[in-house]
C-alpha atoms as a PDB file:
ATOM      1  CA  MET A   1       3.942 -17.138  -2.772  1.00  0.00           C
ATOM      2  CA  PRO A   2       5.880 -14.874  -0.144  1.00  0.00           C
ATOM      3  CA  TYR A   3       6.124 -11.157  -0.473  1.00  0.00           C
ATOM      4  CA  ASP A   4       8.573  -9.436  -2.308  1.00  0.00           C
ATOM      5  CA  ASP A   5      11.537  -8.673   0.370  1.00  0.00           C
ATOM      6  CA  GLU A   6      13.209  -6.262  -2.072  1.00  0.00           C
ATOM      7  CA  LEU A   7      10.101  -4.360  -2.896  1.00  0.00           C
ATOM      8  CA  ALA A   8       9.327  -4.397   1.003  1.00  0.00           C
ATOM      9  CA  GLY A   9      12.800  -3.000   1.587  1.00  0.00           C
ATOM     10  CA  ARG A  10      11.975  -0.274  -1.196  1.00  0.00           C
ATOM     11  CA  ILE A  11       8.707   0.919   0.641  1.00  0.00           C
ATOM     12  CA  ARG A  12      10.692   0.876   4.210  1.00  0.00           C
ATOM     13  CA  GLU A  13      13.298   3.462   2.579  1.00  0.00           C
ATOM     14  CA  LEU A  14      10.547   5.549   1.608  1.00  0.00           C
ATOM     15  CA  LEU A  15       8.758   5.625   4.591  1.00  0.00           C
ATOM     16  CA  ARG A  16      11.812   5.593   7.071  1.00  0.00           C
ATOM     17  CA  GLU A  17      11.976   9.037   7.989  1.00  0.00           C
ATOM     18  CA  ASN A  18       8.003   9.116   8.927  1.00  0.00           C
ATOM     19  CA  PRO A  19       7.267   8.981  12.591  1.00  0.00           C
ATOM     20  CA  GLY A  20       4.472   6.297  13.639  1.00  0.00           C
ATOM     21  CA  VAL A  21       5.050   4.137  10.885  1.00  0.00           C
ATOM     22  CA  VAL A  22       5.317   0.441  12.579  1.00  0.00           C
ATOM     23  CA  GLU A  23       6.178  -2.600  10.361  1.00  0.00           C
ATOM     24  CA  LYS A  24       3.683  -5.649  10.666  1.00  0.00           C
ATOM     25  CA  ARG A  25       3.505  -9.183   9.059  1.00  0.00           C
ATOM     26  CA  MET A  26       0.148  -9.459   7.986  1.00  0.00           C
ATOM     27  CA  PHE A  27      -1.868 -11.917   5.339  1.00  0.00           C
ATOM     28  CA  GLY A  28       1.541 -13.634   4.271  1.00  0.00           C
ATOM     29  CA  GLY A  29       2.951  -9.994   3.382  1.00  0.00           C
ATOM     30  CA  VAL A  30       4.282  -7.036   5.310  1.00  0.00           C
ATOM     31  CA  ALA A  31       2.229  -4.093   5.937  1.00  0.00           C
ATOM     32  CA  PHE A  32       3.406  -0.628   6.776  1.00  0.00           C
ATOM     33  CA  VAL A  33       0.784   0.844   9.473  1.00  0.00           C
ATOM     34  CA  ILE A  34       0.672   4.500  10.451  1.00  0.00           C
ATOM     35  CA  ASP A  35      -1.034   5.584  14.017  1.00  0.00           C
ATOM     36  CA  GLY A  36      -2.641   1.983  13.598  1.00  0.00           C
ATOM     37  CA  ASN A  37      -3.839   2.067  10.128  1.00  0.00           C
ATOM     38  CA  LEU A  38      -2.538   0.302   7.144  1.00  0.00           C
ATOM     39  CA  ALA A  39      -1.056   2.477   4.573  1.00  0.00           C
ATOM     40  CA  VAL A  40       0.631   0.086   1.988  1.00  0.00           C
ATOM     41  CA  ALA A  41       1.658  -3.372   2.177  1.00  0.00           C
ATOM     42  CA  ALA A  42       4.102  -5.504   0.154  1.00  0.00           C
ATOM     43  CA  SER A  43       1.719  -8.333  -0.741  1.00  0.00           C
ATOM     44  CA  SER A  44       1.909 -12.289  -0.407  1.00  0.00           C
ATOM     45  CA  GLN A  45       0.046 -11.964  -3.981  1.00  0.00           C
ATOM     46  CA  GLY A  46       2.909  -9.971  -5.326  1.00  0.00           C
ATOM     47  CA  GLY A  47       3.096  -6.126  -5.906  1.00  0.00           C
ATOM     48  CA  ILE A  48       1.471  -3.889  -3.131  1.00  0.00           C
ATOM     49  CA  LEU A  49      -1.589  -3.411  -1.515  1.00  0.00           C
ATOM     50  CA  VAL A  50      -2.578   0.227  -1.219  1.00  0.00           C
ATOM     51  CA  ARG A  51      -5.036   2.149   0.888  1.00  0.00           C
ATOM     52  CA  ALA A  52      -7.011   5.220  -0.585  1.00  0.00           C
ATOM     53  CA  ASP A  53      -9.977   7.389   0.003  1.00  0.00           C
ATOM     54  CA  PRO A  54     -13.193   5.062  -1.250  1.00  0.00           C
ATOM     55  CA  ALA A  55     -15.384   7.934  -1.624  1.00  0.00           C
ATOM     56  CA  LEU A  56     -12.340   9.648  -4.278  1.00  0.00           C
ATOM     57  CA  PRO A  57     -11.834   7.586  -8.032  1.00  0.00           C
ATOM     58  CA  LEU A  58      -8.237   7.141  -8.206  1.00  0.00           C
ATOM     59  CA  PRO A  59      -6.631   9.880 -10.875  1.00  0.00           C
ATOM     60  CA  SER A  60      -6.777   8.072 -14.397  1.00  0.00           C
ATOM     61  CA  SER A  61      -2.649   8.119 -14.419  1.00  0.00           C
ATOM     62  CA  TYR A  62      -2.874   5.863 -11.243  1.00  0.00           C
ATOM     63  CA  ALA A  63      -5.951   3.735 -12.093  1.00  0.00           C
ATOM     64  CA  ALA A  64      -4.359   2.383 -15.196  1.00  0.00           C
ATOM     65  CA  HIS A  65      -1.874   0.494 -13.349  1.00  0.00           C
ATOM     66  CA  ALA A  66      -4.196  -0.809 -10.389  1.00  0.00           C
ATOM     67  CA  GLU A  67      -7.029  -3.045  -9.704  1.00  0.00           C
ATOM     68  CA  VAL A  68      -9.383  -2.910  -6.995  1.00  0.00           C
ATOM     69  CA  ALA A  69      -8.033  -5.649  -4.409  1.00  0.00           C
ATOM     70  CA  VAL A  70     -10.296  -8.860  -3.856  1.00  0.00           C
ATOM     71  CA  MET A  71     -10.006 -10.524  -0.379  1.00  0.00           C
ATOM     72  CA  GLY A  72     -12.035 -13.522   0.379  1.00  0.00           C
ATOM     73  CA  GLY A  73     -13.609 -13.411  -2.678  1.00  0.00           C
ATOM     74  CA  ARG A  74     -14.854  -9.466  -1.774  1.00  0.00           C
ATOM     75  CA  SER A  75     -13.913  -6.525  -3.778  1.00  0.00           C
ATOM     76  CA  MET A  76     -12.586  -3.872  -1.028  1.00  0.00           C
ATOM     77  CA  LYS A  77     -13.501  -0.472  -1.825  1.00  0.00           C
ATOM     78  CA  GLY A  78     -10.796   2.065  -1.032  1.00  0.00           C
ATOM     79  CA  TRP A  79      -7.907  -0.438  -1.472  1.00  0.00           C
ATOM     80  CA  TRP A  80      -6.159  -0.969  -4.565  1.00  0.00           C
ATOM     81  CA  ARG A  81      -3.398  -3.882  -5.892  1.00  0.00           C
ATOM     82  CA  VAL A  82      -0.533  -2.614  -7.826  1.00  0.00           C
ATOM     83  CA  ALA A  83       1.512  -5.288  -9.771  1.00  0.00           C
ATOM     84  CA  SER A  84       5.370  -5.103  -9.241  1.00  0.00           C
ATOM     85  CA  GLU A  85       5.902  -4.264 -13.059  1.00  0.00           C
ATOM     86  CA  HIS A  86       4.438  -1.001 -12.545  1.00  0.00           C
ATOM     87  CA  LEU A  87       6.503  -0.392  -9.780  1.00  0.00           C
ATOM     88  CA  THR A  88      10.073  -0.650 -10.988  1.00  0.00           C
ATOM     89  CA  THR A  89      11.365   3.080 -10.177  1.00  0.00           C
ATOM     90  CA  LYS A  90      11.391   4.893  -7.300  1.00  0.00           C
ATOM     91  CA  ARG A  91       9.179   7.615  -8.468  1.00  0.00           C
ATOM     92  CA  GLN A  92       6.465   4.920  -9.578  1.00  0.00           C
ATOM     93  CA  LEU A  93       6.363   3.039  -6.208  1.00  0.00           C
ATOM     94  CA  ALA A  94       6.829   6.236  -4.321  1.00  0.00           C
ATOM     95  CA  ARG A  95       3.593   7.899  -5.808  1.00  0.00           C
ATOM     96  CA  TRP A  96       1.729   4.709  -4.469  1.00  0.00           C
ATOM     97  CA  VAL A  97       3.471   4.840  -1.067  1.00  0.00           C
ATOM     98  CA  VAL A  98       2.600   8.371  -0.336  1.00  0.00           C
ATOM     99  CA  LEU A  99      -0.986   7.866  -1.754  1.00  0.00           C
ATOM    100  CA  GLY A 100      -1.307   5.029   0.796  1.00  0.00           C
ATOM    101  CA  PHE A 101       0.443   7.099   3.712  1.00  0.00           C
ATOM    102  CA  GLU A 102      -1.764  10.233   3.270  1.00  0.00           C
ATOM    103  CA  ARG A 103      -5.029   8.170   3.457  1.00  0.00           C
ATOM    104  CA  ALA A 104      -3.636   6.474   6.680  1.00  0.00           C
ATOM    105  CA  ARG A 105      -2.709   9.728   8.111  1.00  0.00           C
ATOM    106  CA  SER A 106      -6.042  11.144   7.529  1.00  0.00           C
ATOM    107  CA  LEU A 107      -7.891   8.590   9.470  1.00  0.00           C
ATOM    108  CA  PRO A 108      -8.158   8.847  13.455  1.00  0.00           C
ATOM    109  CA  ALA A 109      -5.489   6.878  15.039  1.00  0.00           C
ATOM    110  CA  LYS A 110      -6.179   3.566  16.515  1.00  0.00           C
ATOM    111  CA  ARG A 111      -4.820   2.225  19.734  1.00  0.00           C
END
């Protein structure tokens, strides 16, 4: 299944004013990378993949709409998958994009 191009466009719109954001095709989806660190992606499995601090639990209002991302049969600590039905409004999407953006910005830049 290809990624949701409309959803990618909505993410693109939210991040358009942020310097250092690069869009890359990855894993059949489109990822938004900040200073070399993946922040959020429109996933080929539907919905989005979001980076978060693996040392912190998600706030309960977030966790109710997310599941730990699984890649290659392995749970990926610090990565969350959010289904499209939880991203229908700009506000719903923005809170996840901000979470991923803040986490990626907190990491050392990659070259």
